Protein backbone atom coordinates (compact mmCIF):
# COMPACT_ATOMS: atom_id res chain seq x y z
CA UNK A 1 0.09 0.04 -0.01
CA UNK A 2 1.39 3.22 -1.18
CA UNK A 3 2.54 5.69 2.02
CA UNK A 4 2.19 9.39 2.43
CA UNK A 5 5.91 9.35 1.47
CA UNK A 6 5.52 7.97 -1.80
CA UNK A 7 2.46 10.19 -2.73
CA UNK A 8 4.50 13.25 -1.70
CA UNK A 9 7.51 12.28 -3.72
CA UNK A 10 5.15 11.66 -6.88
CA UNK A 11 3.59 15.00 -6.26
CA UNK A 12 7.05 16.75 -6.01
CA UNK A 13 8.09 15.36 -9.17
CA UNK A 14 4.84 16.43 -10.94
CA UNK A 15 5.21 19.88 -9.55
CA UNK A 16 8.90 20.36 -10.11
CA UNK A 17 9.16 18.48 -13.41
CA UNK A 18 12.02 16.36 -12.09
CA UNK A 19 13.26 13.70 -9.62
CA UNK A 20 16.57 15.68 -9.40
CA UNK A 21 16.94 16.29 -5.41
CA UNK A 22 19.18 19.25 -5.98
CA UNK A 23 16.79 21.16 -8.42
CA UNK A 24 13.88 20.18 -6.08
CA UNK A 25 15.73 21.59 -3.16
CA UNK A 26 16.36 24.95 -5.18
CA UNK A 27 12.75 25.16 -6.40
CA UNK A 28 11.56 24.95 -2.50
CA UNK A 29 14.13 27.62 -1.32
CA UNK A 30 16.23 25.00 0.59
CA UNK A 31 19.99 25.80 0.42
CA UNK A 32 22.45 22.87 -0.22
CA UNK A 33 25.80 22.92 1.31
CA UNK A 34 28.89 20.58 1.00
CA UNK A 35 30.99 20.20 4.10
CA UNK A 36 33.73 17.83 5.22
CA UNK A 37 31.81 15.78 7.91
CA UNK A 38 32.70 12.99 10.03
CA UNK A 39 32.73 9.81 7.70
CA UNK A 40 29.65 8.16 9.58
CA UNK A 41 27.57 11.34 8.90
CA UNK A 42 26.04 11.43 5.39
CA UNK A 43 24.54 14.77 6.02
CA UNK A 44 21.66 16.62 7.65
CA UNK A 45 18.70 18.88 7.39
CA UNK A 46 18.00 21.81 9.45
CA UNK A 47 16.04 24.86 9.72
CA UNK A 48 17.38 28.23 11.05
CA UNK A 49 14.73 30.85 11.65
CA UNK A 50 13.05 30.96 8.34
CA UNK A 51 15.96 29.41 6.18
CA UNK A 52 16.36 25.78 5.44
CA UNK A 53 19.56 23.91 4.71
CA UNK A 54 20.71 20.55 3.61
CA UNK A 55 24.44 19.82 4.31
CA UNK A 56 25.87 17.07 2.42
CA UNK A 57 29.25 15.31 3.34
CA UNK A 58 31.74 16.56 0.58
CA UNK A 59 33.72 13.35 1.04
CA UNK A 60 30.94 11.05 -0.14
CA UNK A 61 30.69 9.72 -3.69
CA UNK A 62 28.11 11.47 -6.11
CA UNK A 63 25.49 8.51 -5.64
CA UNK A 64 25.79 8.88 -2.09
CA UNK A 65 25.36 12.70 -2.20
CA UNK A 66 22.40 12.32 -4.53
CA UNK A 67 20.60 9.92 -2.13
CA UNK A 68 21.53 11.92 0.94
CA UNK A 69 20.01 14.94 -0.60
CA UNK A 70 16.78 13.15 -1.50
CA UNK A 71 16.69 11.74 2.03
CA UNK A 72 17.14 15.04 3.75
CA UNK A 73 14.45 16.62 1.38
CA UNK A 74 12.18 13.83 2.78
CA UNK A 75 12.93 15.33 6.22
CA UNK A 76 12.53 18.89 4.98
CA UNK A 77 8.72 18.03 3.62
CA UNK A 78 7.56 15.31 5.97
CA UNK A 79 9.10 16.43 9.25
CA UNK A 80 8.91 20.27 8.80
CA UNK A 81 9.88 21.55 12.03
CA UNK A 82 12.80 23.08 13.75
CA UNK A 83 14.66 19.72 14.50
CA UNK A 84 18.03 18.76 12.85
CA UNK A 85 17.94 15.40 11.11
CA UNK A 86 21.21 13.45 10.37
CA UNK A 87 21.82 10.74 7.81
CA UNK A 88 24.15 8.24 8.73
CA UNK A 89 26.47 6.61 6.21
CA UNK A 90 24.24 3.21 5.46
CA UNK A 91 20.72 4.30 5.60
CA UNK A 92 19.87 1.52 8.18
CA UNK A 93 17.49 2.66 10.46
CA UNK A 94 14.73 1.54 12.91
CA UNK A 95 13.30 5.03 13.35
CA UNK A 96 9.84 5.73 11.89
CA UNK A 97 10.96 9.19 10.64
CA UNK A 98 13.96 7.78 9.23
CA UNK A 99 12.02 5.21 7.48
CA UNK A 100 9.82 7.79 6.14
CA UNK A 101 12.63 9.80 4.74
CA UNK A 102 14.15 6.68 3.03
CA UNK A 103 10.98 5.90 1.53
CA UNK A 104 10.58 9.51 0.11
CA UNK A 105 14.05 9.34 -1.36
CA UNK A 106 13.57 5.86 -2.87
CA UNK A 107 10.33 7.19 -4.35
CA UNK A 108 11.90 10.54 -5.56
CA UNK A 109 15.18 8.74 -6.93
CA UNK A 110 13.76 5.37 -8.25
CA UNK A 111 10.06 6.33 -8.84
CA UNK A 112 8.19 3.46 -10.86
CA UNK A 113 11.41 1.92 -12.40
CA UNK A 114 11.54 -1.75 -11.93
CA UNK A 115 14.57 -4.17 -12.34
CA UNK A 116 14.69 -5.54 -15.82
CA UNK A 117 14.84 -9.24 -16.35
CA UNK A 118 18.22 -10.60 -15.39
CA UNK A 119 19.32 -7.34 -13.99
CA UNK A 120 21.26 -7.59 -10.52
CA UNK A 121 20.50 -5.23 -7.64
CA UNK A 122 23.81 -3.65 -8.32
CA UNK A 123 23.28 -2.90 -12.00
CA UNK A 124 19.89 -1.47 -10.94
CA UNK A 125 21.40 0.87 -8.53
CA UNK A 126 24.15 1.84 -11.00
CA UNK A 127 21.18 2.56 -13.54
CA UNK A 128 19.30 4.67 -11.03
CA UNK A 129 22.47 6.26 -9.76
CA UNK A 130 22.09 5.52 -6.21
CA UNK A 131 24.37 3.47 -3.82
CA UNK A 132 23.37 -0.22 -3.72
CA UNK A 133 23.26 -0.07 0.06
CA UNK A 134 20.49 2.56 -0.38
CA UNK A 135 18.49 0.22 -2.45
CA UNK A 136 19.30 -2.75 -0.06
CA UNK A 137 18.33 -0.83 2.97
CA UNK A 138 14.71 -0.25 1.54
CA UNK A 139 12.22 -2.27 3.54
CA UNK A 140 11.61 -5.67 1.88
CA UNK A 141 8.00 -4.80 1.44
CA UNK A 142 8.98 -1.59 -0.44
CA UNK A 143 10.17 -3.73 -3.51
CA UNK A 144 7.50 -6.18 -4.50
CA UNK A 145 8.51 -8.17 -7.51
CA UNK A 146 11.29 -5.83 -8.52
CA UNK A 147 8.77 -2.78 -8.76
CA UNK A 148 8.67 0.03 -6.27
CA UNK A 149 4.97 0.27 -5.07
């Protein structure tokens, strides 16, 4: 059953005309900064007064930066309050709000794409320009029959 996170991601793509998290952030007035963060921190979202920021670990490779930006956008849109949210380096989490941000990020970046016949999860991740760990971390019922539902 599609969740609020999935519907929201689809709405964002429709409104913004793209699934690129950096363009979406710009459209929403969220500044994206790159900083050299500790290796276990992928990035974070924070709001300071009326300004919103996504800070991404500049040492992460491009697919990770893209996934982190999408994940933090999920926090910005789903958990829009004054808290700061940190993304760890592997997207494994047991927190409801972290799972929601992961679901949003997956729906934004992967959308309705499906594994092609004979395609491995590694090839799929490469085709989607996301880290394989990101795809692997998704809850097992998030991919049904190789398709994001």
